């Protein structure tokens, strides 16, 4: 897992996922409770609104 390719390139384009990527993915139940809670909250909102809310809480800036 240490030599895994990044999922996105420098321009933000997502590469094609491989069967190895899928095999290394963790199930939702394996995520920490804080991440599961955040993802459940995001699922119930409009995408841009949810992203802005999450970013404002983590002080990383807002989407353009």
PDB file of N, CA and C in Angstrom:
ATOM      1  N   UNK A   1       0.807  -1.186   0.000  1.00  0.00           N
ATOM      2  CA  UNK A   1       0.000   0.000   0.000  1.00  0.00           C
ATOM      3  C   UNK A   1       0.856   1.259   0.000  1.00  0.00           C
ATOM      4  N   UNK A   2       2.077   1.175   0.406  1.00  0.00           N
ATOM      5  CA  UNK A   2       2.950   2.341   0.470  1.00  0.00           C
ATOM      6  C   UNK A   2       3.259   2.894  -0.924  1.00  0.00           C
ATOM      7  N   UNK A   3       3.303   2.066  -1.940  1.00  0.00           N
ATOM      8  CA  UNK A   3       3.635   2.504  -3.288  1.00  0.00           C
ATOM      9  C   UNK A   3       2.408   2.680  -4.175  1.00  0.00           C
ATOM     10  N   UNK A   4       1.261   2.861  -3.584  1.00  0.00           N
ATOM     11  CA  UNK A   4       0.014   2.996  -4.337  1.00  0.00           C
ATOM     12  C   UNK A   4       0.000   4.302  -5.124  1.00  0.00           C
ATOM     13  N   UNK A   5      -0.491   4.264  -6.372  1.00  0.00           N
ATOM     14  CA  UNK A   5      -0.596   5.459  -7.191  1.00  0.00           C
ATOM     15  C   UNK A   5      -1.689   6.366  -6.629  1.00  0.00           C
ATOM     16  N   UNK A   6      -1.511   7.691  -6.745  1.00  0.00           N
ATOM     17  CA  UNK A   6      -2.566   8.601  -6.299  1.00  0.00           C
ATOM     18  C   UNK A   6      -3.822   8.423  -7.166  1.00  0.00           C
ATOM     19  N   UNK A   7      -4.978   8.706  -6.587  1.00  0.00           N
ATOM     20  CA  UNK A   7      -6.226   8.569  -7.344  1.00  0.00           C
ATOM     21  C   UNK A   7      -6.445   9.727  -8.307  1.00  0.00           C
ATOM     22  N   UNK A   8      -5.791  10.871  -8.040  1.00  0.00           N
ATOM     23  CA  UNK A   8      -5.934  12.032  -8.922  1.00  0.00           C
ATOM     24  C   UNK A   8      -4.567  12.527  -9.364  1.00  0.00           C
ATOM     25  N   UNK A   9      -4.546  13.188 -10.531  1.00  0.00           N
ATOM     26  CA  UNK A   9      -3.296  13.777 -11.002  1.00  0.00           C
ATOM     27  C   UNK A   9      -3.209  15.230 -10.547  1.00  0.00           C
ATOM     28  N   UNK A  10      -2.190  15.945 -10.998  1.00  0.00           N
ATOM     29  CA  UNK A  10      -1.974  17.323 -10.555  1.00  0.00           C
ATOM     30  C   UNK A  10      -3.096  18.270 -10.978  1.00  0.00           C
ATOM     31  N   UNK A  11      -3.869  17.886 -11.977  1.00  0.00           N
ATOM     32  CA  UNK A  11      -4.990  18.711 -12.445  1.00  0.00           C
ATOM     33  C   UNK A  11      -6.318  18.313 -11.799  1.00  0.00           C
ATOM     34  N   UNK A  12      -6.276  17.312 -10.938  1.00  0.00           N
ATOM     35  CA  UNK A  12      -7.487  16.875 -10.258  1.00  0.00           C
ATOM     36  C   UNK A  12      -8.287  15.812 -10.996  1.00  0.00           C
ATOM     37  N   UNK A  13      -7.760  15.334 -12.114  1.00  0.00           N
ATOM     38  CA  UNK A  13      -8.444  14.292 -12.867  1.00  0.00           C
ATOM     39  C   UNK A  13      -8.266  12.954 -12.160  1.00  0.00           C
ATOM     40  N   UNK A  14      -9.360  12.218 -12.043  1.00  0.00           N
ATOM     41  CA  UNK A  14      -9.327  10.921 -11.373  1.00  0.00           C
ATOM     42  C   UNK A  14      -8.915   9.839 -12.361  1.00  0.00           C
ATOM     43  N   UNK A  15      -7.962   9.003 -11.952  1.00  0.00           N
ATOM     44  CA  UNK A  15      -7.533   7.903 -12.819  1.00  0.00           C
ATOM     45  C   UNK A  15      -8.533   6.754 -12.742  1.00  0.00           C
ATOM     46  N   UNK A  16      -8.423   5.835 -13.678  1.00  0.00           N
ATOM     47  CA  UNK A  16      -9.286   4.657 -13.681  1.00  0.00           C
ATOM     48  C   UNK A  16      -8.945   3.787 -12.466  1.00  0.00           C
ATOM     49  N   UNK A  17      -9.971   3.344 -11.767  1.00  0.00           N
ATOM     50  CA  UNK A  17      -9.756   2.483 -10.598  1.00  0.00           C
ATOM     51  C   UNK A  17      -9.519   1.052 -11.054  1.00  0.00           C
ATOM     52  N   UNK A  18      -8.644   0.383 -10.361  1.00  0.00           N
ATOM     53  CA  UNK A  18      -8.292  -0.995 -10.706  1.00  0.00           C
ATOM     54  C   UNK A  18      -8.912  -1.956  -9.699  1.00  0.00           C
ATOM     55  N   UNK A  19      -8.808  -3.237  -9.994  1.00  0.00           N
ATOM     56  CA  UNK A  19      -9.304  -4.240  -9.051  1.00  0.00           C
ATOM     57  C   UNK A  19      -8.476  -4.200  -7.762  1.00  0.00           C
ATOM     58  N   UNK A  20      -7.216  -3.817  -7.866  1.00  0.00           N
ATOM     59  CA  UNK A  20      -6.378  -3.685  -6.663  1.00  0.00           C
ATOM     60  C   UNK A  20      -6.905  -2.553  -5.773  1.00  0.00           C
ATOM     61  N   UNK A  21      -7.305  -1.428  -6.392  1.00  0.00           N
ATOM     62  CA  UNK A  21      -7.891  -0.319  -5.631  1.00  0.00           C
ATOM     63  C   UNK A  21      -9.118  -0.802  -4.868  1.00  0.00           C
ATOM     64  N   UNK A  22      -9.971  -1.555  -5.554  1.00  0.00           N
ATOM     65  CA  UNK A  22     -11.190  -2.061  -4.929  1.00  0.00           C
ATOM     66  C   UNK A  22     -10.862  -3.017  -3.779  1.00  0.00           C
ATOM     67  N   UNK A  23      -9.859  -3.842  -3.976  1.00  0.00           N
ATOM     68  CA  UNK A  23      -9.479  -4.808  -2.938  1.00  0.00           C
ATOM     69  C   UNK A  23      -8.932  -4.108  -1.693  1.00  0.00           C
ATOM     70  N   UNK A  24      -8.300  -2.940  -1.867  1.00  0.00           N
ATOM     71  CA  UNK A  24      -7.721  -2.210  -0.744  1.00  0.00           C
ATOM     72  C   UNK A  24      -8.705  -1.243  -0.083  1.00  0.00           C
ATOM     73  N   UNK A  25      -9.881  -1.090  -0.674  1.00  0.00           N
ATOM     74  CA  UNK A  25     -10.874  -0.167  -0.117  1.00  0.00           C
ATOM     75  C   UNK A  25     -11.424  -0.719   1.202  1.00  0.00           C
ATOM     76  N   UNK A  26     -11.689   0.201   2.121  1.00  0.00           N
ATOM     77  CA  UNK A  26     -12.247  -0.196   3.414  1.00  0.00           C
ATOM     78  C   UNK A  26     -13.771  -0.073   3.376  1.00  0.00           C
ATOM     79  N   UNK A  27     -14.484  -0.987   4.011  1.00  0.00           N
ATOM     80  CA  UNK A  27     -15.936  -0.856   4.071  1.00  0.00           C
ATOM     81  C   UNK A  27     -16.329   0.339   4.951  1.00  0.00           C
ATOM     82  N   UNK A  28     -17.498   0.865   4.708  1.00  0.00           N
ATOM     83  CA  UNK A  28     -17.997   2.012   5.471  1.00  0.00           C
ATOM     84  C   UNK A  28     -17.925   1.740   6.976  1.00  0.00           C
ATOM     85  N   UNK A  29     -18.263   0.540   7.378  1.00  0.00           N
ATOM     86  CA  UNK A  29     -18.268   0.194   8.806  1.00  0.00           C
ATOM     87  C   UNK A  29     -16.870   0.230   9.432  1.00  0.00           C
ATOM     88  N   UNK A  30     -15.822   0.189   8.609  1.00  0.00           N
ATOM     89  CA  UNK A  30     -14.457   0.222   9.134  1.00  0.00           C
ATOM     90  C   UNK A  30     -13.946   1.650   9.342  1.00  0.00           C
ATOM     91  N   UNK A  31     -14.688   2.645   8.849  1.00  0.00           N
ATOM     92  CA  UNK A  31     -14.273   4.035   9.020  1.00  0.00           C
ATOM     93  C   UNK A  31     -14.482   4.477  10.463  1.00  0.00           C
ATOM     94  N   UNK A  32     -13.681   5.442  10.915  1.00  0.00           N
ATOM     95  CA  UNK A  32     -13.900   5.982  12.265  1.00  0.00           C
ATOM     96  C   UNK A  32     -15.293   6.614  12.364  1.00  0.00           C
ATOM     97  N   UNK A  33     -15.876   6.585  13.541  1.00  0.00           N
ATOM     98  CA  UNK A  33     -17.238   7.087  13.739  1.00  0.00           C
ATOM     99  C   UNK A  33     -17.397   8.534  13.257  1.00  0.00           C
ATOM    100  N   UNK A  34     -16.406   9.372  13.489  1.00  0.00           N
ATOM    101  CA  UNK A  34     -16.497  10.782  13.068  1.00  0.00           C
ATOM    102  C   UNK A  34     -16.634  10.894  11.550  1.00  0.00           C
ATOM    103  N   UNK A  35     -15.908  10.085  10.804  1.00  0.00           N
ATOM    104  CA  UNK A  35     -16.002  10.114   9.344  1.00  0.00           C
ATOM    105  C   UNK A  35     -17.345   9.571   8.867  1.00  0.00           C
ATOM    106  N   UNK A  36     -17.837   8.512   9.505  1.00  0.00           N
ATOM    107  CA  UNK A  36     -19.147   7.965   9.117  1.00  0.00           C
ATOM    108  C   UNK A  36     -20.235   8.999   9.356  1.00  0.00           C
ATOM    109  N   UNK A  37     -20.158   9.697  10.486  1.00  0.00           N
ATOM    110  CA  UNK A  37     -21.154  10.722  10.813  1.00  0.00           C
ATOM    111  C   UNK A  37     -21.117  11.843   9.778  1.00  0.00           C
ATOM    112  N   UNK A  38     -19.915  12.293   9.410  1.00  0.00           N
ATOM    113  CA  UNK A  38     -19.770  13.356   8.433  1.00  0.00           C
ATOM    114  C   UNK A  38     -20.308  12.917   7.070  1.00  0.00           C
ATOM    115  N   UNK A  39     -20.004  11.707   6.653  1.00  0.00           N
ATOM    116  CA  UNK A  39     -20.480  11.216   5.361  1.00  0.00           C
ATOM    117  C   UNK A  39     -21.993  11.059   5.333  1.00  0.00           C
ATOM    118  N   UNK A  40     -22.583  10.619   6.449  1.00  0.00           N
ATOM    119  CA  UNK A  40     -24.050  10.518   6.510  1.00  0.00           C
ATOM    120  C   UNK A  40     -24.688  11.897   6.381  1.00  0.00           C
ATOM    121  N   UNK A  41     -24.099  12.898   7.030  1.00  0.00           N
ATOM    122  CA  UNK A  41     -24.618  14.267   6.951  1.00  0.00           C
ATOM    123  C   UNK A  41     -24.488  14.802   5.525  1.00  0.00           C
ATOM    124  N   UNK A  42     -23.381  14.524   4.881  1.00  0.00           N
ATOM    125  CA  UNK A  42     -23.178  14.988   3.505  1.00  0.00           C
ATOM    126  C   UNK A  42     -24.160  14.323   2.548  1.00  0.00           C
ATOM    127  N   UNK A  43     -24.487  13.099   2.804  1.00  0.00           N
ATOM    128  CA  UNK A  43     -25.386  12.351   1.932  1.00  0.00           C
ATOM    129  C   UNK A  43     -26.787  12.977   1.903  1.00  0.00           C
ATOM    130  N   UNK A  44     -27.185  13.630   2.977  1.00  0.00           N
ATOM    131  CA  UNK A  44     -28.527  14.191   3.093  1.00  0.00           C
ATOM    132  C   UNK A  44     -28.640  15.599   2.517  1.00  0.00           C
ATOM    133  N   UNK A  45     -27.543  16.213   2.116  1.00  0.00           N
ATOM    134  CA  UNK A  45     -27.540  17.595   1.646  1.00  0.00           C
ATOM    135  C   UNK A  45     -27.262  17.684   0.155  1.00  0.00           C
ATOM    136  N   UNK A  46     -27.460  18.882  -0.358  1.00  0.00           N
ATOM    137  CA  UNK A  46     -27.065  19.163  -1.731  1.00  0.00           C
ATOM    138  C   UNK A  46     -25.533  19.137  -1.774  1.00  0.00           C
ATOM    139  N   UNK A  47     -24.938  18.620  -2.813  1.00  0.00           N
ATOM    140  CA  UNK A  47     -23.485  18.445  -2.852  1.00  0.00           C
ATOM    141  C   UNK A  47     -22.678  19.722  -2.563  1.00  0.00           C
ATOM    142  N   UNK A  48     -22.969  20.827  -3.225  1.00  0.00           N
ATOM    143  CA  UNK A  48     -22.157  22.028  -3.031  1.00  0.00           C
ATOM    144  C   UNK A  48     -22.340  22.594  -1.624  1.00  0.00           C
ATOM    145  N   UNK A  49     -23.565  22.568  -1.124  1.00  0.00           N
ATOM    146  CA  UNK A  49     -23.838  23.058   0.231  1.00  0.00           C
ATOM    147  C   UNK A  49     -23.097  22.219   1.264  1.00  0.00           C
ATOM    148  N   UNK A  50     -23.115  20.919   1.082  1.00  0.00           N
ATOM    149  CA  UNK A  50     -22.446  20.016   2.028  1.00  0.00           C
ATOM    150  C   UNK A  50     -20.938  20.240   2.011  1.00  0.00           C
ATOM    151  N   UNK A  51     -20.383  20.412   0.840  1.00  0.00           N
ATOM    152  CA  UNK A  51     -18.943  20.629   0.739  1.00  0.00           C
ATOM    153  C   UNK A  51     -18.552  21.944   1.405  1.00  0.00           C
ATOM    154  N   UNK A  52     -19.310  22.992   1.165  1.00  0.00           N
ATOM    155  CA  UNK A  52     -19.006  24.280   1.796  1.00  0.00           C
ATOM    156  C   UNK A  52     -19.062  24.169   3.317  1.00  0.00           C
ATOM    157  N   UNK A  53     -20.078  23.486   3.804  1.00  0.00           N
ATOM    158  CA  UNK A  53     -20.228  23.318   5.239  1.00  0.00           C
ATOM    159  C   UNK A  53     -19.037  22.570   5.823  1.00  0.00           C
ATOM    160  N   UNK A  54     -18.652  21.471   5.194  1.00  0.00           N
ATOM    161  CA  UNK A  54     -17.530  20.674   5.690  1.00  0.00           C
ATOM    162  C   UNK A  54     -16.244  21.479   5.642  1.00  0.00           C
ATOM    163  N   UNK A  55     -16.014  22.190   4.538  1.00  0.00           N
ATOM    164  CA  UNK A  55     -14.794  22.980   4.408  1.00  0.00           C
ATOM    165  C   UNK A  55     -14.742  24.108   5.430  1.00  0.00           C
ATOM    166  N   UNK A  56     -15.889  24.738   5.696  1.00  0.00           N
ATOM    167  CA  UNK A  56     -15.885  25.838   6.664  1.00  0.00           C
ATOM    168  C   UNK A  56     -15.555  25.331   8.068  1.00  0.00           C
ATOM    169  N   UNK A  57     -15.996  24.139   8.397  1.00  0.00           N
ATOM    170  CA  UNK A  57     -15.695  23.561   9.703  1.00  0.00           C
ATOM    171  C   UNK A  57     -14.228  23.171   9.829  1.00  0.00           C
ATOM    172  N   UNK A  58     -13.607  22.840   8.710  1.00  0.00           N
ATOM    173  CA  UNK A  58     -12.209  22.396   8.720  1.00  0.00           C
ATOM    174  C   UNK A  58     -11.263  23.499   8.258  1.00  0.00           C
ATOM    175  N   UNK A  59     -11.787  24.667   7.998  1.00  0.00           N
ATOM    176  CA  UNK A  59     -10.997  25.872   7.655  1.00  0.00           C
ATOM    177  C   UNK A  59     -10.003  25.632   6.531  1.00  0.00           C
ATOM    178  N   UNK A  60     -10.464  24.976   5.455  1.00  0.00           N
ATOM    179  CA  UNK A  60      -9.589  24.746   4.307  1.00  0.00           C
ATOM    180  C   UNK A  60      -9.995  25.599   3.118  1.00  0.00           C
ATOM    181  N   UNK A  61     -10.963  26.477   3.281  1.00  0.00           N
ATOM    182  CA  UNK A  61     -11.418  27.317   2.181  1.00  0.00           C
ATOM    183  C   UNK A  61     -12.727  26.812   1.623  1.00  0.00           C
ATOM    184  N   UNK A  62     -13.310  27.579   0.725  1.00  0.00           N
ATOM    185  CA  UNK A  62     -14.598  27.217   0.125  1.00  0.00           C
ATOM    186  C   UNK A  62     -14.401  26.876  -1.345  1.00  0.00           C
ATOM    187  N   UNK A  63     -15.283  26.043  -1.900  1.00  0.00           N
ATOM    188  CA  UNK A  63     -15.170  25.698  -3.325  1.00  0.00           C
ATOM    189  C   UNK A  63     -15.465  26.909  -4.191  1.00  0.00           C
ATOM    190  N   UNK A  64     -14.915  26.907  -5.359  1.00  0.00           N
ATOM    191  CA  UNK A  64     -15.137  28.030  -6.287  1.00  0.00           C
ATOM    192  C   UNK A  64     -16.362  27.796  -7.112  1.00  0.00           C
TER     193      UNK A  64
END
